[in-house]
Amino acid sequence: PLAFALWPLSLIYAALIALRRHSYRLGLLRTHRVPALVVVGDRDVFVPADQALKLHRQLPDSRLLIVPDSGHVVTVTQPALFNQVHLDFLRA
């Protein structure tokens, strides 16, 4: 089941409007010099893997993880993997 299925429709609508108006300003990301971890589910319909790959390529010191059999809420669909990857990232 999708985690957001329990969200009120007004919240989903507001989130989608905010995302539509948001600009990632990818050009500015190249100037960031901090480690970053980009995590995306391979079945994510909100942020497809190809978009996560673009973000990863713009961040000089980033790692990309595409989680199999996961949608947008990787923390719910693959919590153990998500937690382990983040712990490894923070320890590096």
C-alpha atoms as a PDB file:
ATOM      1  CA  PRO A   1       0.000   0.000   0.000  1.00  0.00           C
ATOM      2  CA  LEU A   2       1.114   3.543  -0.671  1.00  0.00           C
ATOM      3  CA  ALA A   3       1.923   5.493   2.474  1.00  0.00           C
ATOM      4  CA  PHE A   4       0.408   8.687   1.094  1.00  0.00           C
ATOM      5  CA  ALA A   5      -2.922   6.945   0.523  1.00  0.00           C
ATOM      6  CA  LEU A   6      -3.828   7.944   4.072  1.00  0.00           C
ATOM      7  CA  TRP A   7      -3.013  11.617   3.537  1.00  0.00           C
ATOM      8  CA  PRO A   8      -5.856  14.117   3.129  1.00  0.00           C
ATOM      9  CA  LEU A   9      -6.347  15.096  -0.515  1.00  0.00           C
ATOM     10  CA  SER A  10      -5.785  18.743   0.382  1.00  0.00           C
ATOM     11  CA  LEU A  11      -2.282  17.893   1.628  1.00  0.00           C
ATOM     12  CA  ILE A  12      -1.427  15.919  -1.496  1.00  0.00           C
ATOM     13  CA  TYR A  13      -2.709  18.749  -3.688  1.00  0.00           C
ATOM     14  CA  ALA A  14      -0.696  21.366  -1.764  1.00  0.00           C
ATOM     15  CA  ALA A  15       2.448  19.250  -2.012  1.00  0.00           C
ATOM     16  CA  LEU A  16       2.043  18.787  -5.755  1.00  0.00           C
ATOM     17  CA  ILE A  17       1.500  22.526  -6.288  1.00  0.00           C
ATOM     18  CA  ALA A  18       4.619  23.289  -4.247  1.00  0.00           C
ATOM     19  CA  LEU A  19       6.654  20.799  -6.265  1.00  0.00           C
ATOM     20  CA  ARG A  20       5.411  22.276  -9.522  1.00  0.00           C
ATOM     21  CA  ARG A  21       6.506  25.767  -8.459  1.00  0.00           C
ATOM     22  CA  HIS A  22       9.848  24.639  -7.061  1.00  0.00           C
ATOM     23  CA  SER A  23      13.004  25.055  -9.062  1.00  0.00           C
ATOM     24  CA  TYR A  24      15.991  22.974  -8.054  1.00  0.00           C
ATOM     25  CA  ARG A  25      18.340  25.458  -9.695  1.00  0.00           C
ATOM     26  CA  LEU A  26      20.593  22.634 -10.743  1.00  0.00           C
ATOM     27  CA  GLY A  27      23.341  24.988 -11.839  1.00  0.00           C
ATOM     28  CA  LEU A  28      23.771  26.196  -8.263  1.00  0.00           C
ATOM     29  CA  LEU A  29      24.153  22.666  -6.963  1.00  0.00           C
ATOM     30  CA  ARG A  30      27.555  22.366  -8.612  1.00  0.00           C
ATOM     31  CA  THR A  31      28.865  24.916  -6.127  1.00  0.00           C
ATOM     32  CA  HIS A  32      27.943  22.803  -3.073  1.00  0.00           C
ATOM     33  CA  ARG A  33      30.956  21.104  -1.576  1.00  0.00           C
ATOM     34  CA  VAL A  34      29.332  18.886   1.012  1.00  0.00           C
ATOM     35  CA  PRO A  35      28.641  15.167   0.821  1.00  0.00           C
ATOM     36  CA  ALA A  36      25.130  14.312  -0.337  1.00  0.00           C
ATOM     37  CA  LEU A  37      23.158  11.103  -0.566  1.00  0.00           C
ATOM     38  CA  VAL A  38      20.480  10.873  -3.248  1.00  0.00           C
ATOM     39  CA  VAL A  39      18.026   8.016  -2.621  1.00  0.00           C
ATOM     40  CA  VAL A  40      15.181   7.133  -4.972  1.00  0.00           C
ATOM     41  CA  GLY A  41      12.922   4.159  -5.485  1.00  0.00           C
ATOM     42  CA  ASP A  42      13.006   2.499  -8.886  1.00  0.00           C
ATOM     43  CA  ARG A  43       9.195   2.739  -9.022  1.00  0.00           C
ATOM     44  CA  ASP A  44       8.946   6.351  -7.861  1.00  0.00           C
ATOM     45  CA  VAL A  45       6.389   8.210  -9.974  1.00  0.00           C
ATOM     46  CA  PHE A  46       6.929  11.581  -8.262  1.00  0.00           C
ATOM     47  CA  VAL A  47      10.716  11.721  -8.651  1.00  0.00           C
ATOM     48  CA  PRO A  48      11.705   9.183 -11.309  1.00  0.00           C
ATOM     49  CA  ALA A  49      15.164   7.644 -11.162  1.00  0.00           C
ATOM     50  CA  ASP A  50      16.332   9.621 -14.196  1.00  0.00           C
ATOM     51  CA  GLN A  51      15.612  12.863 -12.310  1.00  0.00           C
ATOM     52  CA  ALA A  52      17.510  11.589  -9.273  1.00  0.00           C
ATOM     53  CA  LEU A  53      20.407  10.745 -11.587  1.00  0.00           C
ATOM     54  CA  LYS A  54      20.412  14.336 -12.907  1.00  0.00           C
ATOM     55  CA  LEU A  55      20.502  15.630  -9.340  1.00  0.00           C
ATOM     56  CA  HIS A  56      23.334  13.247  -8.451  1.00  0.00           C
ATOM     57  CA  ARG A  57      25.367  14.376 -11.459  1.00  0.00           C
ATOM     58  CA  GLN A  58      25.030  18.004 -10.402  1.00  0.00           C
ATOM     59  CA  LEU A  59      26.268  17.403  -6.861  1.00  0.00           C
ATOM     60  CA  PRO A  60      30.066  17.064  -6.915  1.00  0.00           C
ATOM     61  CA  ASP A  61      30.365  14.888  -3.797  1.00  0.00           C
ATOM     62  CA  SER A  62      27.240  12.751  -3.989  1.00  0.00           C
ATOM     63  CA  ARG A  63      26.259   9.134  -3.935  1.00  0.00           C
ATOM     64  CA  LEU A  64      23.202   7.744  -5.680  1.00  0.00           C
ATOM     65  CA  LEU A  65      21.157   4.777  -4.531  1.00  0.00           C
ATOM     66  CA  ILE A  66      18.264   3.533  -6.638  1.00  0.00           C
ATOM     67  CA  VAL A  67      16.293   1.223  -4.367  1.00  0.00           C
ATOM     68  CA  PRO A  68      14.689  -1.773  -6.077  1.00  0.00           C
ATOM     69  CA  ASP A  69      11.000  -2.493  -5.579  1.00  0.00           C
ATOM     70  CA  SER A  70      10.362   0.912  -3.993  1.00  0.00           C
ATOM     71  CA  GLY A  71       8.234   3.897  -4.778  1.00  0.00           C
ATOM     72  CA  HIS A  72       8.485   7.431  -3.463  1.00  0.00           C
ATOM     73  CA  VAL A  73       8.559   6.534   0.227  1.00  0.00           C
ATOM     74  CA  VAL A  74      11.679   4.382   0.476  1.00  0.00           C
ATOM     75  CA  THR A  75      11.690   4.806   4.253  1.00  0.00           C
ATOM     76  CA  VAL A  76       8.440   2.798   4.367  1.00  0.00           C
ATOM     77  CA  THR A  77       9.004   0.242   1.610  1.00  0.00           C
ATOM     78  CA  GLN A  78      12.635  -0.610   2.439  1.00  0.00           C
ATOM     79  CA  PRO A  79      13.300   0.753   5.971  1.00  0.00           C
ATOM     80  CA  ALA A  80      16.182  -1.570   6.883  1.00  0.00           C
ATOM     81  CA  LEU A  81      18.043  -0.841   3.649  1.00  0.00           C
ATOM     82  CA  PHE A  82      17.333   2.883   3.935  1.00  0.00           C
ATOM     83  CA  ASN A  83      18.640   3.000   7.506  1.00  0.00           C
ATOM     84  CA  GLN A  84      21.763   0.989   6.711  1.00  0.00           C
ATOM     85  CA  VAL A  85      22.637   3.105   3.679  1.00  0.00           C
ATOM     86  CA  HIS A  86      22.247   6.294   5.706  1.00  0.00           C
ATOM     87  CA  LEU A  87      24.340   4.965   8.581  1.00  0.00           C
ATOM     88  CA  ASP A  88      27.085   3.941   6.135  1.00  0.00           C
ATOM     89  CA  PHE A  89      26.917   7.362   4.484  1.00  0.00           C
ATOM     90  CA  LEU A  90      27.173   9.195   7.801  1.00  0.00           C
ATOM     91  CA  ARG A  91      30.094   7.049   8.921  1.00  0.00           C
ATOM     92  CA  ALA A  92      32.080   7.631   5.718  1.00  0.00           C
END
